[in-house]
C-alpha atoms as a PDB file:
ATOM      1  CA  MET A   1      16.252   0.512   5.672  1.00  0.00           C
ATOM      2  CA  ALA A   2      19.209   2.428   6.943  1.00  0.00           C
ATOM      3  CA  GLY A   3      18.377   5.557   8.888  1.00  0.00           C
ATOM      4  CA  ALA A   4      14.689   4.730   9.262  1.00  0.00           C
ATOM      5  CA  ARG A   5      13.075   6.217  12.365  1.00  0.00           C
ATOM      6  CA  GLU A   6      10.568   3.419  12.893  1.00  0.00           C
ATOM      7  CA  THR A   7      11.730  -0.166  12.564  1.00  0.00           C
ATOM      8  CA  ARG A   8       8.626  -1.797  13.998  1.00  0.00           C
ATOM      9  CA  THR A   9       6.861  -1.774  10.626  1.00  0.00           C
ATOM     10  CA  GLY A  10       9.380  -3.686   8.546  1.00  0.00           C
ATOM     11  CA  ALA A  11      10.538  -2.627   5.113  1.00  0.00           C
ATOM     12  CA  ALA A  12       9.413  -2.000   1.566  1.00  0.00           C
ATOM     13  CA  ILE A  13      11.351  -4.374  -0.640  1.00  0.00           C
ATOM     14  CA  GLY A  14      11.080  -4.586  -4.384  1.00  0.00           C
ATOM     15  CA  PRO A  15      12.882  -4.291  -7.665  1.00  0.00           C
ATOM     16  CA  GLU A  16      14.334  -0.858  -8.370  1.00  0.00           C
ATOM     17  CA  GLY A  17      15.407   0.313 -11.808  1.00  0.00           C
ATOM     18  CA  ALA A  18      19.063   1.166 -12.333  1.00  0.00           C
ATOM     19  CA  GLY A  19      18.219   4.881 -12.233  1.00  0.00           C
ATOM     20  CA  GLY A  20      16.000   4.650  -9.131  1.00  0.00           C
ATOM     21  CA  PRO A  21      12.265   4.112  -8.829  1.00  0.00           C
ATOM     22  CA  GLU A  22      10.330   3.811 -12.054  1.00  0.00           C
ATOM     23  CA  PRO A  23       8.019   6.711 -12.924  1.00  0.00           C
ATOM     24  CA  GLY A  24       4.283   6.279 -13.181  1.00  0.00           C
ATOM     25  CA  PRO A  25       2.118   3.704 -11.450  1.00  0.00           C
ATOM     26  CA  THR A  26       5.057   1.819  -9.943  1.00  0.00           C
ATOM     27  CA  ALA A  27       6.093   5.015  -8.170  1.00  0.00           C
ATOM     28  CA  THR A  28       2.541   5.394  -6.819  1.00  0.00           C
ATOM     29  CA  SER A  29       2.576   1.794  -5.565  1.00  0.00           C
ATOM     30  CA  ARG A  30       5.905   2.441  -3.816  1.00  0.00           C
ATOM     31  CA  ALA A  31       4.681   5.734  -2.319  1.00  0.00           C
ATOM     32  CA  PHE A  32       1.597   3.981  -0.928  1.00  0.00           C
ATOM     33  CA  GLY A  33       3.703   1.193   0.604  1.00  0.00           C
ATOM     34  CA  ARG A  34       6.248   3.609   2.062  1.00  0.00           C
ATOM     35  CA  ALA A  35       3.488   5.730   3.604  1.00  0.00           C
ATOM     36  CA  LEU A  36       2.038   2.645   5.323  1.00  0.00           C
ATOM     37  CA  LEU A  37       5.477   1.616   6.579  1.00  0.00           C
ATOM     38  CA  ALA A  38       6.040   5.143   7.896  1.00  0.00           C
ATOM     39  CA  ARG A  39       2.680   4.833   9.695  1.00  0.00           C
ATOM     40  CA  ASP A  40       1.360   7.862   7.841  1.00  0.00           C
ATOM     41  CA  PRO A  41      -2.282   7.198   6.871  1.00  0.00           C
ATOM     42  CA  GLY A  42      -2.628  10.719   5.447  1.00  0.00           C
ATOM     43  CA  ALA A  43       0.196  10.177   2.970  1.00  0.00           C
ATOM     44  CA  ALA A  44      -1.220   6.747   2.067  1.00  0.00           C
ATOM     45  CA  ALA A  45      -4.701   8.238   1.525  1.00  0.00           C
ATOM     46  CA  ALA A  46      -3.166  10.950  -0.688  1.00  0.00           C
ATOM     47  CA  CYS A  47      -2.253   8.152  -3.139  1.00  0.00           C
ATOM     48  CA  LEU A  48      -5.981   7.426  -3.623  1.00  0.00           C
ATOM     49  CA  THR A  49      -8.476   9.084  -5.939  1.00  0.00           C
ATOM     50  CA  ALA A  50     -11.215  11.084  -4.200  1.00  0.00           C
ATOM     51  CA  GLY A  51     -13.748   8.372  -5.097  1.00  0.00           C
ATOM     52  CA  ALA A  52     -11.476   5.392  -4.399  1.00  0.00           C
ATOM     53  CA  ARG A  53     -12.875   2.070  -3.238  1.00  0.00           C
ATOM     54  CA  VAL A  54     -11.033   0.002  -0.634  1.00  0.00           C
ATOM     55  CA  LEU A  55     -12.046  -3.464   0.507  1.00  0.00           C
ATOM     56  CA  SER A  56     -11.677  -4.216   4.214  1.00  0.00           C
ATOM     57  CA  ALA A  57     -10.555  -7.602   5.539  1.00  0.00           C
ATOM     58  CA  ASP A  58     -14.171  -8.746   5.892  1.00  0.00           C
ATOM     59  CA  GLY A  59     -15.028  -7.664   2.319  1.00  0.00           C
ATOM     60  CA  THR A  60     -16.768  -4.405   3.228  1.00  0.00           C
ATOM     61  CA  GLU A  61     -16.398  -1.794   0.498  1.00  0.00           C
ATOM     62  CA  LEU A  62     -15.269   1.583   1.765  1.00  0.00           C
ATOM     63  CA  ALA A  63     -16.111   4.448  -0.588  1.00  0.00           C
ATOM     64  CA  GLY A  64     -14.039   7.591  -0.848  1.00  0.00           C
ATOM     65  CA  ARG A  65     -10.716   8.800   0.475  1.00  0.00           C
ATOM     66  CA  GLU A  66     -12.152   9.762   3.885  1.00  0.00           C
ATOM     67  CA  GLN A  67     -13.528   6.280   4.648  1.00  0.00           C
ATOM     68  CA  ALA A  68     -10.351   4.701   3.285  1.00  0.00           C
ATOM     69  CA  PHE A  69      -8.314   6.953   5.599  1.00  0.00           C
ATOM     70  CA  GLU A  70     -10.000   5.351   8.635  1.00  0.00           C
ATOM     71  CA  LEU A  71      -9.015   1.855   7.493  1.00  0.00           C
ATOM     72  CA  LEU A  72      -5.476   3.024   6.680  1.00  0.00           C
ATOM     73  CA  ARG A  73      -5.303   4.630  10.133  1.00  0.00           C
ATOM     74  CA  GLN A  74      -6.220   1.287  11.723  1.00  0.00           C
ATOM     75  CA  ILE A  75      -3.547  -0.512   9.686  1.00  0.00           C
ATOM     76  CA  THR A  76      -0.862   2.016  10.591  1.00  0.00           C
ATOM     77  CA  ALA A  77      -1.859   2.192  14.282  1.00  0.00           C
ATOM     78  CA  SER A  78      -1.703  -1.585  14.680  1.00  0.00           C
ATOM     79  CA  ALA A  79       0.968  -3.139  16.885  1.00  0.00           C
ATOM     80  CA  GLN A  80       1.628  -5.640  14.102  1.00  0.00           C
ATOM     81  CA  ALA A  81       4.912  -5.451  12.241  1.00  0.00           C
ATOM     82  CA  LEU A  82       4.348  -4.874   8.541  1.00  0.00           C
ATOM     83  CA  GLU A  83       6.572  -5.760   5.607  1.00  0.00           C
ATOM     84  CA  ILE A  84       5.617  -4.807   2.063  1.00  0.00           C
ATOM     85  CA  ARG A  85       7.285  -6.112  -1.081  1.00  0.00           C
ATOM     86  CA  ILE A  86       6.442  -4.445  -4.361  1.00  0.00           C
ATOM     87  CA  GLY A  87       5.496  -6.856  -7.127  1.00  0.00           C
ATOM     88  CA  ARG A  88       4.608  -6.405 -10.783  1.00  0.00           C
ATOM     89  CA  CYS A  89       2.780  -3.490 -12.288  1.00  0.00           C
ATOM     90  CA  VAL A  90       0.901  -4.045 -15.541  1.00  0.00           C
ATOM     91  CA  VAL A  91      -0.148  -0.972 -17.517  1.00  0.00           C
ATOM     92  CA  ALA A  92      -2.880  -0.803 -20.169  1.00  0.00           C
ATOM     93  CA  GLY A  93      -3.272   2.769 -21.363  1.00  0.00           C
ATOM     94  CA  ASP A  94      -4.540   4.894 -18.484  1.00  0.00           C
ATOM     95  CA  VAL A  95      -5.165   1.927 -16.157  1.00  0.00           C
ATOM     96  CA  ALA A  96      -2.635  -0.128 -14.203  1.00  0.00           C
ATOM     97  CA  LEU A  97      -2.755  -3.131 -11.874  1.00  0.00           C
ATOM     98  CA  ALA A  98      -0.054  -3.330  -9.212  1.00  0.00           C
ATOM     99  CA  THR A  99       0.651  -6.180  -6.842  1.00  0.00           C
ATOM    100  CA  GLN A 100       2.110  -5.851  -3.359  1.00  0.00           C
ATOM    101  CA  TYR A 101       2.968  -8.684  -0.975  1.00  0.00           C
ATOM    102  CA  TRP A 102       2.138  -7.877   2.650  1.00  0.00           C
ATOM    103  CA  ARG A 103       3.361  -9.799   5.680  1.00  0.00           C
ATOM    104  CA  ARG A 104       1.980  -8.830   9.073  1.00  0.00           C
ATOM    105  CA  SER A 105       3.190 -10.360  12.303  1.00  0.00           C
ATOM    106  CA  SER A 106       2.077  -9.896  15.877  1.00  0.00           C
ATOM    107  CA  PRO A 107       4.724  -9.303  18.527  1.00  0.00           C
ATOM    108  CA  GLY A 108       5.308 -11.468  21.531  1.00  0.00           C
ATOM    109  CA  PRO A 109       5.166 -15.157  22.349  1.00  0.00           C
ATOM    110  CA  GLY A 110       1.794 -16.300  20.911  1.00  0.00           C
ATOM    111  CA  GLY A 111       2.060 -13.901  18.006  1.00  0.00           C
ATOM    112  CA  HIS A 112       1.189 -15.045  14.547  1.00  0.00           C
ATOM    113  CA  GLU A 113       2.069 -14.119  10.987  1.00  0.00           C
ATOM    114  CA  VAL A 114      -0.286 -13.476   8.079  1.00  0.00           C
ATOM    115  CA  SER A 115       0.719 -12.995   4.446  1.00  0.00           C
ATOM    116  CA  THR A 116      -1.631 -11.449   1.898  1.00  0.00           C
ATOM    117  CA  ILE A 117      -1.501 -10.086  -1.613  1.00  0.00           C
ATOM    118  CA  ALA A 118      -2.617  -6.502  -2.110  1.00  0.00           C
ATOM    119  CA  ARG A 119      -3.989  -5.533  -5.505  1.00  0.00           C
ATOM    120  CA  LEU A 120      -4.043  -1.872  -6.493  1.00  0.00           C
ATOM    121  CA  VAL A 121      -5.949  -0.651  -9.535  1.00  0.00           C
ATOM    122  CA  MET A 122      -4.616   2.728 -10.600  1.00  0.00           C
ATOM    123  CA  VAL A 123      -5.807   5.321 -13.056  1.00  0.00           C
ATOM    124  CA  ARG A 124      -3.886   8.087 -14.772  1.00  0.00           C
ATOM    125  CA  SER A 125      -5.137  11.647 -14.670  1.00  0.00           C
ATOM    126  CA  GLY A 126      -2.736  13.732 -16.727  1.00  0.00           C
ATOM    127  CA  ALA A 127       0.757  12.858 -15.520  1.00  0.00           C
ATOM    128  CA  ARG A 128      -0.432  11.654 -12.109  1.00  0.00           C
ATOM    129  CA  TRP A 129      -1.308   8.069 -11.212  1.00  0.00           C
ATOM    130  CA  GLN A 130      -3.657   7.401  -8.279  1.00  0.00           C
ATOM    131  CA  ILE A 131      -5.162   4.292  -6.704  1.00  0.00           C
ATOM    132  CA  ALA A 132      -8.852   3.862  -7.603  1.00  0.00           C
ATOM    133  CA  ILE A 133      -9.344   0.407  -6.044  1.00  0.00           C
ATOM    134  CA  ALA A 134      -7.321  -1.260  -3.285  1.00  0.00           C
ATOM    135  CA  SER A 135      -7.843  -4.822  -2.117  1.00  0.00           C
ATOM    136  CA  PRO A 136      -5.062  -5.646   0.381  1.00  0.00           C
ATOM    137  CA  TRP A 137      -6.474  -8.874   1.811  1.00  0.00           C
ATOM    138  CA  GLU A 138      -6.303 -11.560  -0.929  1.00  0.00           C
END
């Protein structure tokens, strides 16, 4: 990403429409990914509903935006490089399922790389789409 302040986190890569980002749930998925790449857990948490559920790496269910913020803070504070690619978004009325592809790598000589699929279930409230369930560790 040209002009990015922080290069340690990688890049958000994904299909863009000819006129820019698509409106709706795809835009929410992109905003969530960009917030993580910018190491801004507050902006990432703002993409969640107040009662969102987020699954941690060990399968623990975190309830609510405040608990989710703590996990997002850990992800963004990590020394690991993070790359996020935006995948498909399937919409059914006021519910959408978005897929993101995450690749995390540890710096240094013994570092390792882990790739996971993040699934985001989003709901529409009026014109706004928010993440109700996030499972970034599949």
